[in-house]
Amino acid sequence: MQELKTVFPRENKGKIVLTGGCFDILHIGHVRFLSEAKRMGDYLVVLLESDKRVKKLKGKNRPVFIQKERAEMLSALESVDLIVLLPTIQNDSDYLNLVMKIKPDIIAVTENDPIIEKKRIQAKRIRGELKVVPFRGTVSTSKLAKILGVD
């Protein structure tokens, strides 16, 4: 994995919020989630999954947009301060090492996050908080992909 330089100097005293995901077909649920996560701190860092990982998680016809396009869309959002383009990460320890380098104060997740327990462990290891953003009743990206005939 590439070496990650210091994201934000700690002397600035700002709170770093970390989240991650595929963000394949950006929709209102994503926008609301990221806005809410940003309100938890001063800087929002988004770990953006690789195309290979999205394909593995979501299916052979995904991602709809390649990682650089997904990053470009996310960077247009006022709530997002930094996007980390993830390589294809092979194991949980790679994720943990990355989280430990960023050292966020808060890890923001959705209430239906399938790996929430792993993220809870990460938060504990860095002496940070895990905060859950309530689901706002929007259509998931996977359901949206089916509606659009992409899946």
Protein backbone atom coordinates (compact mmCIF):
# COMPACT_ATOMS: atom_id res chain seq x y z
CA MET A 1 0.00 0.00 0.00
CA GLN A 2 1.21 3.53 -0.74
CA GLU A 3 2.64 5.57 2.11
CA LEU A 4 0.14 8.13 3.38
CA LYS A 5 1.59 11.45 4.41
CA THR A 6 0.11 13.37 7.32
CA VAL A 7 -3.35 14.44 6.23
CA PHE A 8 -3.94 17.33 8.63
CA PRO A 9 -1.36 18.60 11.11
CA ARG A 10 -2.60 17.86 14.62
CA GLU A 11 -1.51 21.27 15.89
CA ASN A 12 -4.53 22.80 14.14
CA LYS A 13 -6.78 21.32 16.86
CA GLY A 14 -9.52 20.47 14.37
CA LYS A 15 -11.57 17.28 14.63
CA ILE A 16 -11.09 14.80 11.79
CA VAL A 17 -14.08 12.69 10.76
CA LEU A 18 -13.36 9.61 8.66
CA THR A 19 -15.76 7.63 6.54
CA GLY A 20 -15.47 5.39 3.53
CA GLY A 21 -17.38 3.61 0.83
CA CYS A 22 -17.97 2.95 -2.83
CA PHE A 23 -20.11 6.01 -3.66
CA ASP A 24 -20.71 4.47 -7.08
CA ILE A 25 -23.93 6.19 -8.12
CA LEU A 26 -23.92 9.36 -6.05
CA HIS A 27 -27.42 10.09 -4.72
CA ILE A 28 -29.23 12.18 -2.11
CA GLY A 29 -28.63 9.58 0.61
CA HIS A 30 -24.87 9.95 0.11
CA VAL A 31 -25.09 13.75 0.15
CA ARG A 32 -27.12 13.73 3.37
CA PHE A 33 -24.83 11.20 5.02
CA LEU A 34 -21.66 13.12 4.14
CA SER A 35 -23.18 16.43 5.26
CA GLU A 36 -24.18 14.91 8.59
CA ALA A 37 -20.73 13.34 9.02
CA LYS A 38 -19.06 16.69 8.33
CA ARG A 39 -21.17 18.33 11.06
CA MET A 40 -19.50 16.00 13.56
CA GLY A 41 -16.10 17.66 13.11
CA ASP A 42 -13.95 20.12 11.21
CA TYR A 43 -12.53 17.96 8.41
CA LEU A 44 -14.22 15.11 6.53
CA VAL A 45 -11.93 12.50 5.00
CA VAL A 46 -13.47 9.94 2.63
CA LEU A 47 -11.77 6.62 1.89
CA LEU A 48 -12.92 5.74 -1.62
CA GLU A 49 -12.90 2.07 -2.60
CA SER A 50 -11.04 0.87 -5.69
CA ASP A 51 -12.88 -0.26 -8.81
CA LYS A 52 -11.79 -3.85 -8.19
CA ARG A 53 -13.20 -3.77 -4.65
CA VAL A 54 -16.50 -2.23 -5.84
CA LYS A 55 -16.84 -4.99 -8.45
CA LYS A 56 -16.21 -7.63 -5.77
CA LEU A 57 -18.73 -6.08 -3.36
CA LYS A 58 -21.45 -5.00 -5.81
CA GLY A 59 -21.24 -7.29 -8.84
CA LYS A 60 -19.80 -7.67 -12.32
CA ASN A 61 -21.49 -4.58 -13.81
CA ARG A 62 -20.15 -2.27 -11.15
CA PRO A 63 -18.77 0.24 -10.64
CA VAL A 64 -20.80 2.40 -12.99
CA PHE A 65 -18.23 5.18 -12.57
CA ILE A 66 -14.50 4.56 -12.23
CA GLN A 67 -12.74 5.61 -9.03
CA LYS A 68 -11.38 8.88 -10.41
CA GLU A 69 -14.86 9.91 -11.64
CA ARG A 70 -16.38 8.99 -8.28
CA ALA A 71 -13.68 11.08 -6.58
CA GLU A 72 -14.42 14.02 -8.87
CA MET A 73 -18.11 13.89 -7.97
CA LEU A 74 -17.35 13.65 -4.24
CA SER A 75 -14.88 16.52 -4.43
CA ALA A 76 -17.68 18.75 -5.73
CA LEU A 77 -19.49 18.36 -2.41
CA GLU A 78 -18.91 21.14 0.10
CA SER A 79 -18.85 18.67 2.98
CA VAL A 80 -15.86 16.65 1.69
CA ASP A 81 -12.41 17.97 2.57
CA LEU A 82 -10.18 15.12 1.41
CA ILE A 83 -10.62 11.95 -0.63
CA VAL A 84 -8.16 9.08 -0.29
CA LEU A 85 -8.19 6.86 -3.37
CA LEU A 86 -7.78 3.38 -1.95
CA PRO A 87 -5.77 0.76 -3.75
CA THR A 88 -7.28 -2.72 -3.72
CA ILE A 89 -6.93 -3.54 -0.05
CA GLN A 90 -6.56 -7.22 0.71
CA ASN A 91 -7.22 -7.47 4.45
CA ASP A 92 -8.50 -5.81 7.60
CA SER A 93 -5.01 -4.98 8.86
CA ASP A 94 -4.37 -2.80 5.79
CA TYR A 95 -7.50 -0.80 6.60
CA LEU A 96 -6.52 -0.56 10.26
CA ASN A 97 -3.01 0.66 9.35
CA LEU A 98 -4.50 3.37 7.14
CA VAL A 99 -6.95 4.46 9.84
CA MET A 100 -4.08 4.58 12.35
CA LYS A 101 -2.09 6.85 10.02
CA ILE A 102 -5.01 9.25 9.58
CA LYS A 103 -5.89 9.12 13.31
CA PRO A 104 -9.41 10.48 13.01
CA ASP A 105 -11.27 11.65 16.07
CA ILE A 106 -14.50 10.17 14.73
CA ILE A 107 -15.35 7.32 12.37
CA ALA A 108 -18.77 7.97 10.83
CA VAL A 109 -20.89 5.06 9.62
CA THR A 110 -24.45 4.41 8.52
CA GLU A 111 -26.64 2.35 10.81
CA ASN A 112 -26.80 -0.44 8.22
CA ASP A 113 -23.00 -0.62 7.68
CA PRO A 114 -22.21 -4.32 7.15
CA ILE A 115 -18.81 -4.02 8.87
CA ILE A 116 -19.79 -1.71 11.72
CA GLU A 117 -18.17 -4.00 14.32
CA LYS A 118 -14.81 -3.85 12.52
CA LYS A 119 -15.07 -0.06 12.45
CA ARG A 120 -15.95 -0.04 16.15
CA ILE A 121 -12.71 -1.95 16.83
CA GLN A 122 -10.76 0.52 14.65
CA ALA A 123 -12.21 3.47 16.58
CA LYS A 124 -11.25 1.85 19.87
CA ARG A 125 -7.68 1.17 18.66
CA ILE A 126 -7.15 4.85 17.76
CA ARG A 127 -8.99 6.10 20.87
CA GLY A 128 -11.60 7.70 18.66
CA GLU A 129 -15.38 7.56 18.57
CA LEU A 130 -17.65 5.59 16.29
CA LYS A 131 -20.72 7.65 15.42
CA VAL A 132 -23.73 6.31 13.58
CA VAL A 133 -25.58 8.53 11.12
CA PRO A 134 -29.28 7.55 11.06
CA PHE A 135 -30.71 6.21 7.81
CA ARG A 136 -32.77 8.88 6.05
CA GLY A 137 -35.12 6.64 4.07
CA THR A 138 -33.47 6.96 0.66
CA VAL A 139 -32.99 4.30 -2.00
CA SER A 140 -29.68 2.43 -1.74
CA THR A 141 -27.18 2.56 -4.60
CA SER A 142 -27.77 -1.15 -5.28
CA LYS A 143 -31.54 -0.64 -5.56
CA LEU A 144 -30.96 2.42 -7.74
CA ALA A 145 -28.64 0.40 -10.01
CA LYS A 146 -31.39 -2.21 -10.45
CA ILE A 147 -33.96 0.47 -11.25
CA LEU A 148 -31.59 1.95 -13.83
CA GLY A 149 -30.85 -1.50 -15.27
CA VAL A 150 -27.15 -1.36 -14.47
CA ASP A 151 -27.15 -4.39 -12.20
